[in-house]
N, C-alpha and C. Protein backbone atom coordinates (compact mmCIF):
# COMPACT_ATOMS: atom_id res chain seq x y z
N MET A 1 -26.71 30.06 -54.89
CA MET A 1 -26.09 28.96 -54.32
C MET A 1 -25.02 28.37 -55.09
N SER A 2 -24.24 27.53 -54.33
CA SER A 2 -22.88 26.86 -54.75
C SER A 2 -23.29 25.82 -55.79
N LYS A 3 -22.47 25.70 -56.74
CA LYS A 3 -22.76 24.54 -57.54
C LYS A 3 -22.56 23.30 -57.11
N ALA A 4 -21.07 23.09 -56.37
CA ALA A 4 -20.72 21.92 -55.87
C ALA A 4 -20.39 21.91 -54.34
N ARG A 5 -20.92 20.95 -53.45
CA ARG A 5 -20.25 21.07 -52.13
C ARG A 5 -18.87 20.28 -52.01
N LYS A 6 -18.13 20.89 -51.24
CA LYS A 6 -16.88 20.36 -50.97
C LYS A 6 -17.11 19.03 -50.09
N LYS A 7 -16.49 17.97 -50.42
CA LYS A 7 -16.58 16.95 -49.44
C LYS A 7 -15.63 17.05 -48.39
N LEU A 8 -16.14 16.75 -47.12
CA LEU A 8 -15.22 17.07 -45.74
C LEU A 8 -14.32 15.72 -45.48
N LYS A 9 -13.24 15.99 -45.20
CA LYS A 9 -12.46 14.73 -44.57
C LYS A 9 -12.85 14.41 -43.02
N PRO A 10 -12.71 13.42 -42.95
CA PRO A 10 -13.12 12.77 -41.47
C PRO A 10 -12.23 13.54 -40.60
N ALA A 11 -12.42 13.63 -39.18
CA ALA A 11 -11.59 14.41 -38.42
C ALA A 11 -10.40 13.38 -38.15
N ALA A 12 -9.33 13.94 -37.87
CA ALA A 12 -8.02 13.13 -37.71
C ALA A 12 -8.28 12.28 -36.31
N GLY A 13 -7.82 11.15 -36.15
CA GLY A 13 -7.87 10.21 -35.23
C GLY A 13 -9.25 9.61 -34.79
N LYS A 14 -10.16 9.86 -35.63
CA LYS A 14 -11.50 9.42 -35.27
C LYS A 14 -11.88 8.35 -36.45
N SER A 15 -12.47 7.11 -36.01
CA SER A 15 -12.64 6.10 -37.30
C SER A 15 -14.30 6.28 -37.52
N VAL A 16 -14.33 6.11 -38.53
CA VAL A 16 -15.84 6.13 -39.18
C VAL A 16 -16.54 4.65 -38.18
N GLU A 17 -15.91 3.39 -38.26
CA GLU A 17 -16.45 2.36 -37.78
C GLU A 17 -16.49 2.17 -36.45
N ARG A 18 -17.58 1.62 -36.06
CA ARG A 18 -17.55 1.40 -34.29
C ARG A 18 -16.46 0.57 -33.93
N ARG A 19 -15.94 0.82 -32.77
CA ARG A 19 -14.98 -0.30 -32.29
C ARG A 19 -15.46 -1.44 -31.52
N LYS A 20 -14.88 -2.34 -31.82
CA LYS A 20 -15.71 -3.67 -31.11
C LYS A 20 -15.29 -3.72 -29.61
N ARG A 21 -16.39 -4.23 -28.92
CA ARG A 21 -16.26 -4.26 -27.50
C ARG A 21 -15.32 -5.45 -26.97
N ARG A 22 -14.73 -4.94 -25.90
CA ARG A 22 -13.53 -5.82 -25.44
C ARG A 22 -14.43 -6.96 -24.46
N THR A 23 -14.05 -8.11 -24.61
CA THR A 23 -14.41 -9.02 -23.62
C THR A 23 -13.84 -9.27 -22.48
N ALA A 24 -14.64 -9.26 -21.22
CA ALA A 24 -13.99 -9.08 -19.85
C ALA A 24 -12.90 -10.08 -19.87
N LYS A 25 -12.00 -9.88 -19.12
CA LYS A 25 -10.85 -10.64 -18.88
C LYS A 25 -10.91 -10.77 -17.24
N PHE A 26 -10.49 -12.03 -16.91
CA PHE A 26 -10.46 -12.26 -15.39
C PHE A 26 -9.08 -12.18 -15.08
N ILE A 27 -8.80 -11.72 -13.65
CA ILE A 27 -7.71 -11.67 -13.28
C ILE A 27 -6.97 -13.01 -12.85
N THR A 28 -5.75 -13.20 -12.87
CA THR A 28 -5.24 -14.30 -12.33
C THR A 28 -4.97 -14.50 -10.86
N ARG A 29 -4.67 -15.66 -10.62
CA ARG A 29 -4.46 -15.89 -8.96
C ARG A 29 -3.45 -15.01 -8.47
N ALA A 30 -2.25 -14.93 -9.22
CA ALA A 30 -1.20 -14.16 -8.74
C ALA A 30 -1.52 -12.56 -8.63
N GLU A 31 -2.37 -12.23 -9.63
CA GLU A 31 -2.79 -10.88 -9.70
C GLU A 31 -3.95 -10.42 -8.30
N ALA A 32 -4.59 -11.64 -8.09
CA ALA A 32 -5.60 -11.39 -6.90
C ALA A 32 -4.85 -11.51 -5.77
N ARG A 33 -3.80 -12.22 -5.47
CA ARG A 33 -2.90 -12.21 -4.41
C ARG A 33 -1.95 -10.80 -4.32
N ARG A 34 -1.78 -10.30 -5.30
CA ARG A 34 -0.98 -9.14 -5.31
C ARG A 34 -1.83 -7.92 -4.85
N ARG A 35 -3.12 -7.99 -5.47
CA ARG A 35 -3.88 -7.04 -4.88
C ARG A 35 -4.45 -7.00 -3.53
N ALA A 36 -4.74 -8.22 -2.88
CA ALA A 36 -5.05 -8.43 -1.62
C ALA A 36 -3.80 -8.11 -0.62
N GLU A 37 -2.47 -8.37 -1.03
CA GLU A 37 -1.59 -8.01 -0.27
C GLU A 37 -1.38 -6.37 -0.32
N ARG A 38 -1.79 -5.76 -1.39
CA ARG A 38 -1.51 -4.38 -1.52
C ARG A 38 -2.69 -3.85 -0.52
N HIS A 39 -3.90 -4.29 -0.62
CA HIS A 39 -4.95 -3.73 0.10
C HIS A 39 -4.75 -3.88 1.81
N VAL A 40 -4.32 -5.24 2.14
CA VAL A 40 -4.02 -5.42 3.55
C VAL A 40 -3.00 -4.37 4.03
N TRP A 41 -1.85 -4.40 3.06
CA TRP A 41 -0.65 -3.44 3.55
C TRP A 41 -1.09 -2.08 3.70
N ASN A 42 -1.78 -1.57 2.97
CA ASN A 42 -2.40 -0.28 3.15
C ASN A 42 -3.26 0.03 4.13
N ARG A 43 -4.04 -0.91 4.46
CA ARG A 43 -4.95 -0.98 5.62
C ARG A 43 -4.26 -0.88 7.06
N MET A 44 -3.29 -1.76 6.95
CA MET A 44 -2.48 -2.04 8.19
C MET A 44 -1.33 -0.83 8.27
N PHE A 45 -0.56 -0.28 7.38
CA PHE A 45 0.31 0.32 7.35
C PHE A 45 0.18 1.63 6.77
N GLY A 46 -0.87 2.13 6.27
CA GLY A 46 -1.24 3.31 5.58
C GLY A 46 -1.30 4.20 6.74
N GLY A 47 -0.10 5.26 6.68
CA GLY A 47 -0.19 6.32 7.83
C GLY A 47 0.31 5.96 9.12
N ALA A 48 1.00 4.95 9.13
CA ALA A 48 1.77 4.21 10.25
C ALA A 48 2.74 5.27 10.85
N ARG A 49 2.78 5.07 11.99
CA ARG A 49 4.04 5.92 12.77
C ARG A 49 5.11 5.02 12.88
N VAL A 50 6.24 5.66 12.63
CA VAL A 50 7.60 5.22 12.45
C VAL A 50 8.49 5.98 13.36
N ARG A 51 9.10 5.30 14.53
CA ARG A 51 9.73 5.99 15.53
C ARG A 51 11.16 5.48 15.69
N ASP A 52 12.07 6.01 16.10
CA ASP A 52 13.45 5.78 16.36
C ASP A 52 13.22 4.97 17.69
N GLY A 53 13.97 3.79 17.61
CA GLY A 53 14.02 2.84 19.01
C GLY A 53 14.20 3.53 20.42
N ALA A 54 15.19 4.50 20.14
CA ALA A 54 15.58 5.39 21.26
C ALA A 54 14.51 6.21 21.73
N ALA A 55 13.74 6.78 20.75
CA ALA A 55 12.83 7.64 21.16
C ALA A 55 11.36 6.74 21.74
N ALA A 56 11.30 5.71 21.14
CA ALA A 56 10.19 5.07 21.70
C ALA A 56 10.69 4.10 23.10
N ASN A 57 11.72 4.28 23.48
CA ASN A 57 12.23 3.60 24.44
C ASN A 57 11.99 2.05 24.65
N VAL A 58 12.52 1.37 23.66
CA VAL A 58 12.34 -0.16 23.60
C VAL A 58 13.66 -0.71 23.44
N LEU A 59 13.37 -2.10 23.94
CA LEU A 59 14.76 -2.87 23.56
C LEU A 59 14.25 -4.31 23.47
N TYR A 60 14.85 -4.63 22.29
CA TYR A 60 14.21 -6.20 21.61
C TYR A 60 15.54 -6.83 21.43
N TYR A 61 15.61 -8.09 21.84
CA TYR A 61 16.76 -9.00 21.47
C TYR A 61 18.11 -8.59 21.67
N ASN A 62 18.26 -7.86 22.62
CA ASN A 62 19.64 -7.19 23.16
C ASN A 62 20.24 -6.38 22.11
N GLN A 63 19.39 -5.61 21.46
CA GLN A 63 19.82 -4.72 20.46
C GLN A 63 19.76 -3.29 21.18
N GLY A 64 20.64 -2.39 20.84
CA GLY A 64 20.85 -1.06 21.23
C GLY A 64 19.28 -0.44 20.65
N ALA A 65 18.65 0.16 21.54
CA ALA A 65 17.60 1.00 21.06
C ALA A 65 17.95 2.07 19.77
N SER A 66 19.10 2.74 19.71
CA SER A 66 19.35 3.33 18.67
C SER A 66 19.51 2.46 17.47
N ASP A 67 19.69 1.42 17.35
CA ASP A 67 19.60 0.40 16.31
C ASP A 67 18.50 0.02 15.86
N LEU A 68 17.22 0.31 16.15
CA LEU A 68 16.07 -0.22 15.84
C LEU A 68 15.03 0.98 15.38
N TRP A 69 14.19 0.48 14.49
CA TRP A 69 13.10 1.46 14.18
C TRP A 69 11.72 0.54 14.46
N VAL A 70 10.88 1.30 15.12
CA VAL A 70 9.61 0.73 15.65
C VAL A 70 8.60 1.39 14.79
N VAL A 71 7.77 0.49 13.99
CA VAL A 71 6.56 0.80 13.38
C VAL A 71 5.25 0.35 14.14
N TYR A 72 4.40 1.36 14.27
CA TYR A 72 3.26 1.00 14.95
C TYR A 72 2.16 0.83 13.69
N LYS A 73 1.60 -0.49 14.09
CA LYS A 73 0.55 -0.72 12.98
C LYS A 73 -0.67 0.27 13.34
N ASN A 74 -1.46 0.43 12.35
CA ASN A 74 -2.82 1.22 12.57
C ASN A 74 -3.91 0.18 13.35
N PRO A 75 -4.57 0.48 14.17
CA PRO A 75 -5.55 -0.46 14.91
C PRO A 75 -6.88 -0.66 14.06
N LYS A 76 -7.33 -1.77 13.97
CA LYS A 76 -8.18 -2.16 13.39
C LYS A 76 -9.70 -1.60 14.05
N ASP A 77 -9.65 -1.48 15.26
CA ASP A 77 -10.77 -1.00 15.87
C ASP A 77 -10.16 -0.24 17.12
N ILE A 78 -11.37 0.42 17.77
CA ILE A 78 -11.01 1.31 18.97
C ILE A 78 -11.29 0.61 20.08
N THR A 79 -10.34 0.10 20.76
CA THR A 79 -10.28 -0.54 22.06
C THR A 79 -9.03 -0.12 22.72
N ILE A 80 -9.29 -0.41 24.18
CA ILE A 80 -7.93 0.02 25.07
C ILE A 80 -7.08 -1.32 25.07
N ARG A 81 -6.13 -1.39 24.35
CA ARG A 81 -5.18 -2.60 24.35
C ARG A 81 -3.86 -2.02 24.03
N SER A 82 -2.90 -2.89 24.02
CA SER A 82 -1.58 -2.91 23.83
C SER A 82 -1.32 -2.67 22.30
N ALA A 83 -0.62 -1.79 21.90
CA ALA A 83 -0.27 -1.34 20.58
C ALA A 83 0.39 -2.65 19.75
N GLU A 84 0.13 -2.68 18.41
CA GLU A 84 0.84 -3.70 17.53
C GLU A 84 1.80 -2.93 16.94
N VAL A 85 3.19 -3.71 16.97
CA VAL A 85 4.44 -2.99 16.66
C VAL A 85 5.15 -3.99 15.68
N VAL A 86 5.99 -3.49 14.57
CA VAL A 86 6.98 -4.15 14.04
C VAL A 86 8.48 -3.70 14.20
N VAL A 87 9.29 -4.24 14.91
CA VAL A 87 10.51 -3.77 15.05
C VAL A 87 11.57 -4.26 14.00
N VAL A 88 12.19 -3.31 13.53
CA VAL A 88 13.18 -3.53 12.37
C VAL A 88 14.55 -2.94 12.77
N CYS A 89 15.51 -3.69 12.55
CA CYS A 89 17.03 -3.60 12.55
C CYS A 89 17.26 -2.39 11.68
N LYS A 90 17.95 -1.31 11.93
CA LYS A 90 18.43 -0.41 11.07
C LYS A 90 19.68 -0.66 10.36
N ARG A 91 20.55 -1.52 10.91
CA ARG A 91 21.65 -1.83 9.86
C ARG A 91 21.46 -2.97 8.91
N THR A 92 20.76 -4.22 9.33
CA THR A 92 20.42 -5.13 8.29
C THR A 92 19.16 -5.13 7.72
N GLY A 93 18.18 -4.35 8.36
CA GLY A 93 16.85 -4.29 7.67
C GLY A 93 15.85 -5.56 7.93
N ARG A 94 16.49 -6.44 8.78
CA ARG A 94 15.60 -7.64 9.35
C ARG A 94 14.52 -7.26 10.23
N VAL A 95 13.58 -7.99 10.00
CA VAL A 95 12.31 -7.82 11.13
C VAL A 95 12.72 -8.56 12.20
N LEU A 96 12.93 -8.01 13.53
CA LEU A 96 13.56 -8.66 14.69
C LEU A 96 12.17 -9.17 15.78
N TYR A 97 10.97 -8.21 15.39
CA TYR A 97 9.93 -8.81 16.32
C TYR A 97 8.50 -8.04 15.63
N GLU A 98 7.52 -8.91 15.71
CA GLU A 98 6.24 -8.43 15.47
C GLU A 98 5.30 -8.88 16.33
N GLY A 99 4.50 -7.81 16.96
CA GLY A 99 3.54 -8.54 17.98
C GLY A 99 3.14 -7.27 19.03
N SER A 100 2.74 -7.49 20.14
CA SER A 100 2.34 -6.62 21.04
C SER A 100 3.41 -5.89 21.59
N ALA A 101 3.18 -4.50 22.02
CA ALA A 101 4.33 -3.55 22.44
C ALA A 101 4.35 -3.72 23.80
N GLY A 102 3.46 -4.47 24.39
CA GLY A 102 3.29 -4.44 25.81
C GLY A 102 3.20 -3.28 26.54
N ASP A 103 2.56 -2.40 26.12
CA ASP A 103 2.19 -1.01 26.60
C ASP A 103 0.88 -0.64 27.16
N GLU A 104 0.13 -1.81 27.37
CA GLU A 104 -1.24 -1.40 27.80
C GLU A 104 -1.30 -0.93 29.14
N GLY A 105 -2.31 -0.23 29.33
CA GLY A 105 -2.25 0.62 30.68
C GLY A 105 -2.75 0.11 31.76
C-alpha cells in the first residue's frame, strides 16, 4: 500500500460551490410587442409567394405591372375566397396596396 495519497485538483471550469438559482425575470412591454409582431409576421408571410407584377398580371394605382412586386399572404383557413395580397413598388419600396386580390372564382 502507498504511504500517502496524492490530493487531486478539481477539474478545470467546475466549481465546488452550487450555483445560485436565477430569479425569473418578466419581459417588458416592448419585448412582448416585438415577439407578437414576429409571431404574426411569420404566420402571415412565412413561405409566402412573391411574384413579379407582370407575371401576376396586376395593375394598381396606374403603375406599370413590371414596377411591382405582389406578395400573397398565407391563408389562415381553407376557404374559397379571394387571395390577400400586398403590392410593393420595386423602385421606392412603398406598400401601394394591401387587401383582396379580386381573384375569387
